[in-house]
Amino acid sequence: MAITVNLRYTGRDGNARKFAEEMMRSGTVDRIRAERGNLRYEYFVAMEDPETVLLIDSWESQEAIDAHHASPMMRTIAELRDRYDLHMTVERFAADESGEGAGDEKFIRR
């Protein structure tokens, strides 16, 4: 069962965006995307709050998340988060594999 974690990084003076840019520029994002079990790792800028960046982080399983959390990259992320003085909120979602959401398809334009 896939697990998606939405992390909102909030700071001041554009620091959340600077953090995400450094994560990408340093290659940390590419290394995370290459980790076994990673399905998605993408940053988005909030339209209504330029001091917040959303990270959508998806994994195949809790075991894959646990392995990521045990990796050296977590230290890099924590150090950057501290350097940019960011605060976080977190939401976790499990994939709905029941098929009950299939009725939503008529509202999606492809």
PDB file of N, CA and C in Angstrom:
ATOM      1  N   MET A   1       0.845  -1.176   0.000  1.00  0.00           N
ATOM      2  CA  MET A   1       0.000   0.000   0.000  1.00  0.00           C
ATOM      3  C   MET A   1       0.889   1.237   0.000  1.00  0.00           C
ATOM      4  N   ALA A   2       0.720   2.096  -0.983  1.00  0.00           N
ATOM      5  CA  ALA A   2       1.504   3.329  -1.094  1.00  0.00           C
ATOM      6  C   ALA A   2       1.099   4.304   0.007  1.00  0.00           C
ATOM      7  N   ILE A   3       2.110   5.025   0.506  1.00  0.00           N
ATOM      8  CA  ILE A   3       1.893   6.040   1.533  1.00  0.00           C
ATOM      9  C   ILE A   3       2.431   7.357   1.000  1.00  0.00           C
ATOM     10  N   THR A   4       1.607   8.400   1.103  1.00  0.00           N
ATOM     11  CA  THR A   4       2.016   9.737   0.699  1.00  0.00           C
ATOM     12  C   THR A   4       2.057  10.627   1.921  1.00  0.00           C
ATOM     13  N   VAL A   5       3.145  11.382   2.016  1.00  0.00           N
ATOM     14  CA  VAL A   5       3.324  12.311   3.128  1.00  0.00           C
ATOM     15  C   VAL A   5       3.415  13.712   2.535  1.00  0.00           C
ATOM     16  N   ASN A   6       2.540  14.599   2.985  1.00  0.00           N
ATOM     17  CA  ASN A   6       2.598  16.001   2.594  1.00  0.00           C
ATOM     18  C   ASN A   6       3.271  16.763   3.722  1.00  0.00           C
ATOM     19  N   LEU A   7       4.393  17.384   3.410  1.00  0.00           N
ATOM     20  CA  LEU A   7       5.116  18.191   4.398  1.00  0.00           C
ATOM     21  C   LEU A   7       5.087  19.640   3.947  1.00  0.00           C
ATOM     22  N   ARG A   8       4.614  20.510   4.811  1.00  0.00           N
ATOM     23  CA  ARG A   8       4.632  21.944   4.517  1.00  0.00           C
ATOM     24  C   ARG A   8       5.774  22.562   5.310  1.00  0.00           C
ATOM     25  N   TYR A   9       6.727  23.136   4.583  1.00  0.00           N
ATOM     26  CA  TYR A   9       7.852  23.844   5.188  1.00  0.00           C
ATOM     27  C   TYR A   9       7.519  25.328   5.171  1.00  0.00           C
ATOM     28  N   THR A  10       7.585  25.967   6.339  1.00  0.00           N
ATOM     29  CA  THR A  10       7.275  27.383   6.438  1.00  0.00           C
ATOM     30  C   THR A  10       8.429  28.112   7.112  1.00  0.00           C
ATOM     31  N   GLY A  11       8.766  29.261   6.567  1.00  0.00           N
ATOM     32  CA  GLY A  11       9.840  30.075   7.132  1.00  0.00           C
ATOM     33  C   GLY A  11       9.566  31.544   6.893  1.00  0.00           C
ATOM     34  N   ARG A  12      10.654  32.310   6.845  1.00  0.00           N
ATOM     35  CA  ARG A  12      10.560  33.748   6.579  1.00  0.00           C
ATOM     36  C   ARG A  12      11.593  34.121   5.522  1.00  0.00           C
ATOM     37  N   ASP A  13      11.359  35.252   4.890  1.00  0.00           N
ATOM     38  CA  ASP A  13      12.314  35.811   3.927  1.00  0.00           C
ATOM     39  C   ASP A  13      12.657  34.851   2.788  1.00  0.00           C
ATOM     40  N   GLY A  14      11.681  34.052   2.373  1.00  0.00           N
ATOM     41  CA  GLY A  14      11.893  33.134   1.258  1.00  0.00           C
ATOM     42  C   GLY A  14      12.706  31.899   1.600  1.00  0.00           C
ATOM     43  N   ASN A  15      12.912  31.632   2.890  1.00  0.00           N
ATOM     44  CA  ASN A  15      13.770  30.521   3.283  1.00  0.00           C
ATOM     45  C   ASN A  15      13.236  29.150   2.907  1.00  0.00           C
ATOM     46  N   ALA A  16      11.920  28.966   2.885  1.00  0.00           N
ATOM     47  CA  ALA A  16      11.382  27.659   2.499  1.00  0.00           C
ATOM     48  C   ALA A  16      11.732  27.359   1.041  1.00  0.00           C
ATOM     49  N   ARG A  17      11.595  28.342   0.203  1.00  0.00           N
ATOM     50  CA  ARG A  17      11.936  28.157  -1.211  1.00  0.00           C
ATOM     51  C   ARG A  17      13.445  27.959  -1.386  1.00  0.00           C
ATOM     52  N   LYS A  18      14.257  28.714  -0.641  1.00  0.00           N
ATOM     53  CA  LYS A  18      15.711  28.550  -0.702  1.00  0.00           C
ATOM     54  C   LYS A  18      16.118  27.141  -0.274  1.00  0.00           C
ATOM     55  N   PHE A  19      15.447  26.617   0.755  1.00  0.00           N
ATOM     56  CA  PHE A  19      15.699  25.250   1.219  1.00  0.00           C
ATOM     57  C   PHE A  19      15.429  24.248   0.099  1.00  0.00           C
ATOM     58  N   ALA A  20      14.248  24.355  -0.528  1.00  0.00           N
ATOM     59  CA  ALA A  20      13.890  23.427  -1.604  1.00  0.00           C
ATOM     60  C   ALA A  20      14.862  23.551  -2.774  1.00  0.00           C
ATOM     61  N   GLU A  21      15.249  24.777  -3.109  1.00  0.00           N
ATOM     62  CA  GLU A  21      16.200  24.977  -4.199  1.00  0.00           C
ATOM     63  C   GLU A  21      17.552  24.342  -3.881  1.00  0.00           C
ATOM     64  N   GLU A  22      18.005  24.465  -2.634  1.00  0.00           N
ATOM     65  CA  GLU A  22      19.283  23.849  -2.256  1.00  0.00           C
ATOM     66  C   GLU A  22      19.173  22.326  -2.245  1.00  0.00           C
ATOM     67  N   MET A  23      18.045  21.809  -1.806  1.00  0.00           N
ATOM     68  CA  MET A  23      17.826  20.354  -1.847  1.00  0.00           C
ATOM     69  C   MET A  23      17.966  19.852  -3.283  1.00  0.00           C
ATOM     70  N   MET A  24      17.425  20.587  -4.233  1.00  0.00           N
ATOM     71  CA  MET A  24      17.498  20.184  -5.633  1.00  0.00           C
ATOM     72  C   MET A  24      18.903  20.393  -6.199  1.00  0.00           C
ATOM     73  N   ARG A  25      19.469  21.559  -5.959  1.00  0.00           N
ATOM     74  CA  ARG A  25      20.785  21.904  -6.504  1.00  0.00           C
ATOM     75  C   ARG A  25      21.889  20.971  -5.982  1.00  0.00           C
ATOM     76  N   SER A  26      21.785  20.549  -4.729  1.00  0.00           N
ATOM     77  CA  SER A  26      22.808  19.700  -4.114  1.00  0.00           C
ATOM     78  C   SER A  26      22.741  18.246  -4.572  1.00  0.00           C
ATOM     79  N   GLY A  27      21.666  17.882  -5.266  1.00  0.00           N
ATOM     80  CA  GLY A  27      21.497  16.499  -5.701  1.00  0.00           C
ATOM     81  C   GLY A  27      20.797  15.619  -4.683  1.00  0.00           C
ATOM     82  N   THR A  28      20.455  16.186  -3.526  1.00  0.00           N
ATOM     83  CA  THR A  28      19.784  15.398  -2.486  1.00  0.00           C
ATOM     84  C   THR A  28      18.440  14.877  -2.980  1.00  0.00           C
ATOM     85  N   VAL A  29      17.692  15.717  -3.693  1.00  0.00           N
ATOM     86  CA  VAL A  29      16.388  15.291  -4.225  1.00  0.00           C
ATOM     87  C   VAL A  29      16.568  14.119  -5.187  1.00  0.00           C
ATOM     88  N   ASP A  30      17.540  14.204  -6.071  1.00  0.00           N
ATOM     89  CA  ASP A  30      17.779  13.103  -7.015  1.00  0.00           C
ATOM     90  C   ASP A  30      18.140  11.811  -6.281  1.00  0.00           C
ATOM     91  N   ARG A  31      18.950  11.925  -5.225  1.00  0.00           N
ATOM     92  CA  ARG A  31      19.324  10.724  -4.465  1.00  0.00           C
ATOM     93  C   ARG A  31      18.119  10.128  -3.751  1.00  0.00           C
ATOM     94  N   ILE A  32      17.232  10.970  -3.236  1.00  0.00           N
ATOM     95  CA  ILE A  32      16.023  10.466  -2.581  1.00  0.00           C
ATOM     96  C   ILE A  32      15.127   9.784  -3.607  1.00  0.00           C
ATOM     97  N   ARG A  33      14.956  10.400  -4.761  1.00  0.00           N
ATOM     98  CA  ARG A  33      14.121   9.804  -5.815  1.00  0.00           C
ATOM     99  C   ARG A  33      14.672   8.455  -6.270  1.00  0.00           C
ATOM    100  N   ALA A  34      15.980   8.265  -6.151  1.00  0.00           N
ATOM    101  CA  ALA A  34      16.609   7.002  -6.569  1.00  0.00           C
ATOM    102  C   ALA A  34      16.535   5.927  -5.489  1.00  0.00           C
ATOM    103  N   GLU A  35      16.089   6.288  -4.301  1.00  0.00           N
ATOM    104  CA  GLU A  35      16.007   5.300  -3.224  1.00  0.00           C
ATOM    105  C   GLU A  35      14.940   4.252  -3.547  1.00  0.00           C
ATOM    106  N   ARG A  36      15.215   3.045  -3.117  1.00  0.00           N
ATOM    107  CA  ARG A  36      14.265   1.953  -3.323  1.00  0.00           C
ATOM    108  C   ARG A  36      12.935   2.279  -2.633  1.00  0.00           C
ATOM    109  N   GLY A  37      11.873   2.184  -3.390  1.00  0.00           N
ATOM    110  CA  GLY A  37      10.535   2.403  -2.840  1.00  0.00           C
ATOM    111  C   GLY A  37      10.011   3.818  -2.977  1.00  0.00           C
ATOM    112  N   ASN A  38      10.826   4.764  -3.441  1.00  0.00           N
ATOM    113  CA  ASN A  38      10.328   6.124  -3.603  1.00  0.00           C
ATOM    114  C   ASN A  38       9.500   6.208  -4.879  1.00  0.00           C
ATOM    115  N   LEU A  39       8.310   6.752  -4.761  1.00  0.00           N
ATOM    116  CA  LEU A  39       7.411   6.907  -5.903  1.00  0.00           C
ATOM    117  C   LEU A  39       7.325   8.352  -6.386  1.00  0.00           C
ATOM    118  N   ARG A  40       7.514   9.294  -5.445  1.00  0.00           N
ATOM    119  CA  ARG A  40       7.371  10.710  -5.805  1.00  0.00           C
ATOM    120  C   ARG A  40       8.053  11.554  -4.736  1.00  0.00           C
ATOM    121  N   TYR A  41       8.731  12.590  -5.185  1.00  0.00           N
ATOM    122  CA  TYR A  41       9.367  13.542  -4.278  1.00  0.00           C
ATOM    123  C   TYR A  41       9.405  14.871  -5.018  1.00  0.00           C
ATOM    124  N   GLU A  42       8.409  15.731  -4.757  1.00  0.00           N
ATOM    125  CA  GLU A  42       8.260  16.972  -5.510  1.00  0.00           C
ATOM    126  C   GLU A  42       7.897  18.126  -4.590  1.00  0.00           C
ATOM    127  N   TYR A  43       8.499  19.284  -4.867  1.00  0.00           N
ATOM    128  CA  TYR A  43       8.205  20.508  -4.131  1.00  0.00           C
ATOM    129  C   TYR A  43       7.260  21.398  -4.930  1.00  0.00           C
ATOM    130  N   PHE A  44       6.383  22.107  -4.204  1.00  0.00           N
ATOM    131  CA  PHE A  44       5.446  23.046  -4.809  1.00  0.00           C
ATOM    132  C   PHE A  44       5.410  24.310  -3.960  1.00  0.00           C
ATOM    133  N   VAL A  45       5.282  25.465  -4.613  1.00  0.00           N
ATOM    134  CA  VAL A  45       5.186  26.740  -3.909  1.00  0.00           C
ATOM    135  C   VAL A  45       3.713  27.072  -3.720  1.00  0.00           C
ATOM    136  N   ALA A  46       3.352  27.459  -2.508  1.00  0.00           N
ATOM    137  CA  ALA A  46       1.960  27.801  -2.195  1.00  0.00           C
ATOM    138  C   ALA A  46       1.605  29.152  -2.825  1.00  0.00           C
ATOM    139  N   MET A  47       0.559  29.198  -3.607  1.00  0.00           N
ATOM    140  CA  MET A  47       0.137  30.424  -4.283  1.00  0.00           C
ATOM    141  C   MET A  47      -0.287  31.508  -3.284  1.00  0.00           C
ATOM    142  N   GLU A  48      -0.952  31.095  -2.211  1.00  0.00           N
ATOM    143  CA  GLU A  48      -1.487  32.071  -1.262  1.00  0.00           C
ATOM    144  C   GLU A  48      -0.551  32.362  -0.100  1.00  0.00           C
ATOM    145  N   ASP A  49       0.568  31.639  -0.023  1.00  0.00           N
ATOM    146  CA  ASP A  49       1.520  31.855   1.061  1.00  0.00           C
ATOM    147  C   ASP A  49       2.930  31.627   0.532  1.00  0.00           C
ATOM    148  N   PRO A  50       3.579  32.677   0.040  1.00  0.00           N
ATOM    149  CA  PRO A  50       4.905  32.508  -0.563  1.00  0.00           C
ATOM    150  C   PRO A  50       5.979  32.059   0.427  1.00  0.00           C
ATOM    151  N   GLU A  51       5.668  32.026   1.710  1.00  0.00           N
ATOM    152  CA  GLU A  51       6.632  31.570   2.712  1.00  0.00           C
ATOM    153  C   GLU A  51       6.497  30.087   3.011  1.00  0.00           C
ATOM    154  N   THR A  52       5.624  29.398   2.276  1.00  0.00           N
ATOM    155  CA  THR A  52       5.405  27.968   2.482  1.00  0.00           C
ATOM    156  C   THR A  52       5.680  27.198   1.204  1.00  0.00           C
ATOM    157  N   VAL A  53       6.381  26.076   1.360  1.00  0.00           N
ATOM    158  CA  VAL A  53       6.632  25.144   0.262  1.00  0.00           C
ATOM    159  C   VAL A  53       6.063  23.798   0.679  1.00  0.00           C
ATOM    160  N   LEU A  54       5.347  23.167  -0.237  1.00  0.00           N
ATOM    161  CA  LEU A  54       4.771  21.846  -0.003  1.00  0.00           C
ATOM    162  C   LEU A  54       5.645  20.786  -0.652  1.00  0.00           C
ATOM    163  N   LEU A  55       5.973  19.764   0.118  1.00  0.00           N
ATOM    164  CA  LEU A  55       6.663  18.589  -0.413  1.00  0.00           C
ATOM    165  C   LEU A  55       5.669  17.445  -0.439  1.00  0.00           C
ATOM    166  N   ILE A  56       5.484  16.840  -1.606  1.00  0.00           N
ATOM    167  CA  ILE A  56       4.694  15.615  -1.728  1.00  0.00           C
ATOM    168  C   ILE A  56       5.692  14.479  -1.874  1.00  0.00           C
ATOM    169  N   ASP A  57       5.666  13.581  -0.905  1.00  0.00           N
ATOM    170  CA  ASP A  57       6.666  12.534  -0.750  1.00  0.00           C
ATOM    171  C   ASP A  57       5.926  11.195  -0.670  1.00  0.00           C
ATOM    172  N   SER A  58       6.034  10.350  -1.698  1.00  0.00           N
ATOM    173  CA  SER A  58       5.287   9.086  -1.746  1.00  0.00           C
ATOM    174  C   SER A  58       6.232   7.897  -1.770  1.00  0.00           C
ATOM    175  N   TRP A  59       5.821   6.842  -1.071  1.00  0.00           N
ATOM    176  CA  TRP A  59       6.633   5.636  -0.918  1.00  0.00           C
ATOM    177  C   TRP A  59       5.771   4.401  -1.089  1.00  0.00           C
ATOM    178  N   GLU A  60       6.398   3.314  -1.544  1.00  0.00           N
ATOM    179  CA  GLU A  60       5.684   2.058  -1.755  1.00  0.00           C
ATOM    180  C   GLU A  60       5.158   1.457  -0.465  1.00  0.00           C
ATOM    181  N   SER A  61       5.866   1.688   0.659  1.00  0.00           N
ATOM    182  CA  SER A  61       5.496   1.020   1.916  1.00  0.00           C
ATOM    183  C   SER A  61       6.110   1.757   3.103  1.00  0.00           C
ATOM    184  N   GLN A  62       5.652   1.399   4.286  1.00  0.00           N
ATOM    185  CA  GLN A  62       6.242   1.957   5.499  1.00  0.00           C
ATOM    186  C   GLN A  62       7.701   1.536   5.633  1.00  0.00           C
ATOM    187  N   GLU A  63       8.014   0.330   5.183  1.00  0.00           N
ATOM    188  CA  GLU A  63       9.402  -0.142   5.246  1.00  0.00           C
ATOM    189  C   GLU A  63      10.324   0.756   4.410  1.00  0.00           C
ATOM    190  N   ALA A  64       9.848   1.187   3.252  1.00  0.00           N
ATOM    191  CA  ALA A  64      10.643   2.083   2.409  1.00  0.00           C
ATOM    192  C   ALA A  64      10.845   3.435   3.101  1.00  0.00           C
ATOM    193  N   ILE A  65       9.810   3.940   3.765  1.00  0.00           N
ATOM    194  CA  ILE A  65       9.930   5.197   4.512  1.00  0.00           C
ATOM    195  C   ILE A  65      10.932   5.026   5.648  1.00  0.00           C
ATOM    196  N   ASP A  66      10.830   3.912   6.367  1.00  0.00           N
ATOM    197  CA  ASP A  66      11.749   3.661   7.482  1.00  0.00           C
ATOM    198  C   ASP A  66      13.201   3.611   7.002  1.00  0.00           C
ATOM    199  N   ALA A  67      13.441   2.979   5.854  1.00  0.00           N
ATOM    200  CA  ALA A  67      14.799   2.911   5.308  1.00  0.00           C
ATOM    201  C   ALA A  67      15.285   4.316   4.936  1.00  0.00           C
ATOM    202  N   HIS A  68      14.408   5.118   4.361  1.00  0.00           N
ATOM    203  CA  HIS A  68      14.759   6.500   4.027  1.00  0.00           C
ATOM    204  C   HIS A  68      15.101   7.284   5.295  1.00  0.00           C
ATOM    205  N   HIS A  69      14.284   7.124   6.327  1.00  0.00           N
ATOM    206  CA  HIS A  69      14.528   7.846   7.581  1.00  0.00           C
ATOM    207  C   HIS A  69      15.836   7.422   8.240  1.00  0.00           C
ATOM    208  N   ALA A  70      16.285   6.213   7.970  1.00  0.00           N
ATOM    209  CA  ALA A  70      17.547   5.724   8.540  1.00  0.00           C
ATOM    210  C   ALA A  70      18.757   6.094   7.677  1.00  0.00           C
ATOM    211  N   SER A  71      18.518   6.708   6.526  1.00  0.00           N
ATOM    212  CA  SER A  71      19.611   7.020   5.597  1.00  0.00           C
ATOM    213  C   SER A  71      20.352   8.286   6.021  1.00  0.00           C
ATOM    214  N   PRO A  72      21.591   8.444   5.542  1.00  0.00           N
ATOM    215  CA  PRO A  72      22.369   9.657   5.838  1.00  0.00           C
ATOM    216  C   PRO A  72      21.720  10.933   5.304  1.00  0.00           C
ATOM    217  N   MET A  73      20.837  10.811   4.329  1.00  0.00           N
ATOM    218  CA  MET A  73      20.189  11.997   3.768  1.00  0.00           C
ATOM    219  C   MET A  73      19.318  12.717   4.785  1.00  0.00           C
ATOM    220  N   MET A  74      18.809  11.972   5.767  1.00  0.00           N
ATOM    221  CA  MET A  74      17.970  12.617   6.779  1.00  0.00           C
ATOM    222  C   MET A  74      18.770  13.631   7.582  1.00  0.00           C
ATOM    223  N   ARG A  75      20.052  13.351   7.807  1.00  0.00           N
ATOM    224  CA  ARG A  75      20.898  14.313   8.517  1.00  0.00           C
ATOM    225  C   ARG A  75      21.073  15.566   7.663  1.00  0.00           C
ATOM    226  N   THR A  76      21.305  15.376   6.375  1.00  0.00           N
ATOM    227  CA  THR A  76      21.437  16.510   5.453  1.00  0.00           C
ATOM    228  C   THR A  76      20.171  17.359   5.474  1.00  0.00           C
ATOM    229  N   ILE A  77      19.024  16.708   5.387  1.00  0.00           N
ATOM    230  CA  ILE A  77      17.745  17.425   5.385  1.00  0.00           C
ATOM    231  C   ILE A  77      17.570  18.192   6.685  1.00  0.00           C
ATOM    232  N   ALA A  78      17.844  17.553   7.825  1.00  0.00           N
ATOM    233  CA  ALA A  78      17.685  18.203   9.128  1.00  0.00           C
ATOM    234  C   ALA A  78      18.619  19.406   9.257  1.00  0.00           C
ATOM    235  N   GLU A  79      19.851  19.270   8.789  1.00  0.00           N
ATOM    236  CA  GLU A  79      20.800  20.387   8.856  1.00  0.00           C
ATOM    237  C   GLU A  79      20.334  21.564   8.006  1.00  0.00           C
ATOM    238  N   LEU A  80      19.840  21.277   6.812  1.00  0.00           N
ATOM    239  CA  LEU A  80      19.336  22.357   5.960  1.00  0.00           C
ATOM    240  C   LEU A  80      18.095  22.998   6.563  1.00  0.00           C
ATOM    241  N   ARG A  81      17.212  22.183   7.101  1.00  0.00           N
ATOM    242  CA  ARG A  81      15.985  22.700   7.728  1.00  0.00           C
ATOM    243  C   ARG A  81      16.348  23.648   8.877  1.00  0.00           C
ATOM    244  N   ASP A  82      17.354  23.269   9.678  1.00  0.00           N
ATOM    245  CA  ASP A  82      17.793  24.128  10.778  1.00  0.00           C
ATOM    246  C   ASP A  82      18.454  25.402  10.252  1.00  0.00           C
ATOM    247  N   ARG A  83      19.285  25.268   9.229  1.00  0.00           N
ATOM    248  CA  ARG A  83      19.980  26.434   8.668  1.00  0.00           C
ATOM    249  C   ARG A  83      18.984  27.482   8.170  1.00  0.00           C
ATOM    250  N   TYR A  84      17.892  27.011   7.555  1.00  0.00           N
ATOM    251  CA  TYR A  84      16.893  27.935   7.023  1.00  0.00           C
ATOM    252  C   TYR A  84      15.787  28.242   8.033  1.00  0.00           C
ATOM    253  N   ASP A  85      15.900  27.720   9.265  1.00  0.00           N
ATOM    254  CA  ASP A  85      14.949  27.990  10.354  1.00  0.00           C
ATOM    255  C   ASP A  85      13.506  27.712   9.928  1.00  0.00           C
ATOM    256  N   LEU A  86      13.279  26.503   9.423  1.00  0.00           N
ATOM    257  CA  LEU A  86      11.955  26.132   8.928  1.00  0.00           C
ATOM    258  C   LEU A  86      11.166  25.359   9.978  1.00  0.00           C
ATOM    259  N   HIS A  87       9.857  25.516   9.889  1.00  0.00           N
ATOM    260  CA  HIS A  87       8.928  24.756  10.721  1.00  0.00           C
ATOM    261  C   HIS A  87       8.077  23.920   9.780  1.00  0.00           C
ATOM    262  N   MET A  88       7.538  22.825  10.290  1.00  0.00           N
ATOM    263  CA  MET A  88       6.841  21.878   9.419  1.00  0.00           C
ATOM    264  C   MET A  88       5.489  21.479   9.987  1.00  0.00           C
ATOM    265  N   THR A  89       4.575  21.172   9.075  1.00  0.00           N
ATOM    266  CA  THR A  89       3.366  20.421   9.401  1.00  0.00           C
ATOM    267  C   THR A  89       3.360  19.204   8.484  1.00  0.00           C
ATOM    268  N   VAL A  90       2.781  18.120   8.958  1.00  0.00           N
ATOM    269  CA  VAL A  90       2.838  16.853   8.230  1.00  0.00           C
ATOM    270  C   VAL A  90       1.455  16.216   8.193  1.00  0.00           C
ATOM    271  N   GLU A  91       1.101  15.682   7.022  1.00  0.00           N
ATOM    272  CA  GLU A  91      -0.117  14.883   6.840  1.00  0.00           C
ATOM    273  C   GLU A  91       0.278  13.600   6.127  1.00  0.00           C
ATOM    274  N   ARG A  92      -0.287  12.478   6.558  1.00  0.00           N
ATOM    275  CA  ARG A  92      -0.010  11.183   5.922  1.00  0.00           C
ATOM    276  C   ARG A  92      -1.293  10.625   5.319  1.00  0.00           C
ATOM    277  N   PHE A  93      -1.146  10.012   4.143  1.00  0.00           N
ATOM    278  CA  PHE A  93      -2.285   9.424   3.441  1.00  0.00           C
ATOM    279  C   PHE A  93      -1.893   8.044   2.930  1.00  0.00           C
ATOM    280  N   ALA A  94      -2.797   7.092   3.061  1.00  0.00           N
ATOM    281  CA  ALA A  94      -2.602   5.761   2.487  1.00  0.00           C
ATOM    282  C   ALA A  94      -3.439   5.673   1.221  1.00  0.00           C
ATOM    283  N   ALA A  95      -2.916   5.009   0.204  1.00  0.00           N
ATOM    284  CA  ALA A  95      -3.627   4.882  -1.072  1.00  0.00           C
ATOM    285  C   ALA A  95      -4.929   4.120  -0.869  1.00  0.00           C
ATOM    286  N   ASP A  96      -5.970   4.598  -1.529  1.00  0.00           N
ATOM    287  CA  ASP A  96      -7.267   3.922  -1.506  1.00  0.00           C
ATOM    288  C   ASP A  96      -7.267   2.887  -2.617  1.00  0.00           C
ATOM    289  N   GLU A  97      -7.068   1.655  -2.249  1.00  0.00           N
ATOM    290  CA  GLU A  97      -7.022   0.579  -3.240  1.00  0.00           C
ATOM    291  C   GLU A  97      -8.356  -0.158  -3.357  1.00  0.00           C
ATOM    292  N   SER A  98      -9.381   0.400  -2.721  1.00  0.00           N
ATOM    293  CA  SER A  98     -10.689  -0.256  -2.729  1.00  0.00           C
ATOM    294  C   SER A  98     -11.446  -0.039  -4.027  1.00  0.00           C
ATOM    295  N   GLY A  99     -11.089   0.988  -4.790  1.00  0.00           N
ATOM    296  CA  GLY A  99     -11.805   1.307  -6.013  1.00  0.00           C
ATOM    297  C   GLY A  99     -13.027   2.168  -5.765  1.00  0.00           C
ATOM    298  N   GLU A 100     -13.281   2.536  -4.499  1.00  0.00           N
ATOM    299  CA  GLU A 100     -14.467   3.329  -4.182  1.00  0.00           C
ATOM    300  C   GLU A 100     -14.406   4.736  -4.758  1.00  0.00           C
ATOM    301  N   GLY A 101     -13.213   5.257  -5.004  1.00  0.00           N
ATOM    302  CA  GLY A 101     -13.078   6.599  -5.552  1.00  0.00           C
ATOM    303  C   GLY A 101     -13.218   6.642  -7.064  1.00  0.00           C
ATOM    304  N   ALA A 102     -13.535   5.510  -7.691  1.00  0.00           N
ATOM    305  CA  ALA A 102     -13.605   5.441  -9.148  1.00  0.00           C
ATOM    306  C   ALA A 102     -14.657   6.394  -9.723  1.00  0.00           C
ATOM    307  N   GLY A 103     -15.665   6.747  -8.955  1.00  0.00           N
ATOM    308  CA  GLY A 103     -16.696   7.673  -9.417  1.00  0.00           C
ATOM    309  C   GLY A 103     -16.169   9.079  -9.643  1.00  0.00           C
ATOM    310  N   ASP A 104     -15.009   9.372  -9.088  1.00  0.00           N
ATOM    311  CA  ASP A 104     -14.401  10.690  -9.265  1.00  0.00           C
ATOM    312  C   ASP A 104     -13.914  10.892 -10.696  1.00  0.00           C
ATOM    313  N   GLU A 105     -13.721   9.825 -11.417  1.00  0.00           N
ATOM    314  CA  GLU A 105     -13.145   9.895 -12.757  1.00  0.00           C
ATOM    315  C   GLU A 105     -13.924  10.823 -13.694  1.00  0.00           C
ATOM    316  N   LYS A 106     -15.239  10.912 -13.527  1.00  0.00           N
ATOM    317  CA  LYS A 106     -16.046  11.768 -14.412  1.00  0.00           C
ATOM    318  C   LYS A 106     -15.772  13.250 -14.205  1.00  0.00           C
ATOM    319  N   PHE A 107     -15.101  13.620 -13.103  1.00  0.00           N
ATOM    320  CA  PHE A 107     -14.793  15.012 -12.827  1.00  0.00           C
ATOM    321  C   PHE A 107     -13.380  15.401 -13.253  1.00  0.00           C
ATOM    322  N   ILE A 108     -12.620  14.448 -13.761  1.00  0.00           N
ATOM    323  CA  ILE A 108     -11.231  14.691 -14.119  1.00  0.00           C
ATOM    324  C   ILE A 108     -11.096  14.872 -15.612  1.00  0.00           C
ATOM    325  N   ARG A 109     -10.526  15.981 -16.013  1.00  0.00           N
ATOM    326  CA  ARG A 109     -10.289  16.252 -17.425  1.00  0.00           C
ATOM    327  C   ARG A 109      -8.868  15.840 -17.764  1.00  0.00           C
ATOM    328  N   ARG A 110      -8.709  14.975 -18.698  1.00  0.00           N
ATOM    329  CA  ARG A 110      -7.367  14.484 -19.090  1.00  0.00           C
ATOM    330  C   ARG A 110      -6.941  15.105 -20.395  1.00  0.00           C
TER     331      ARG A 110
END
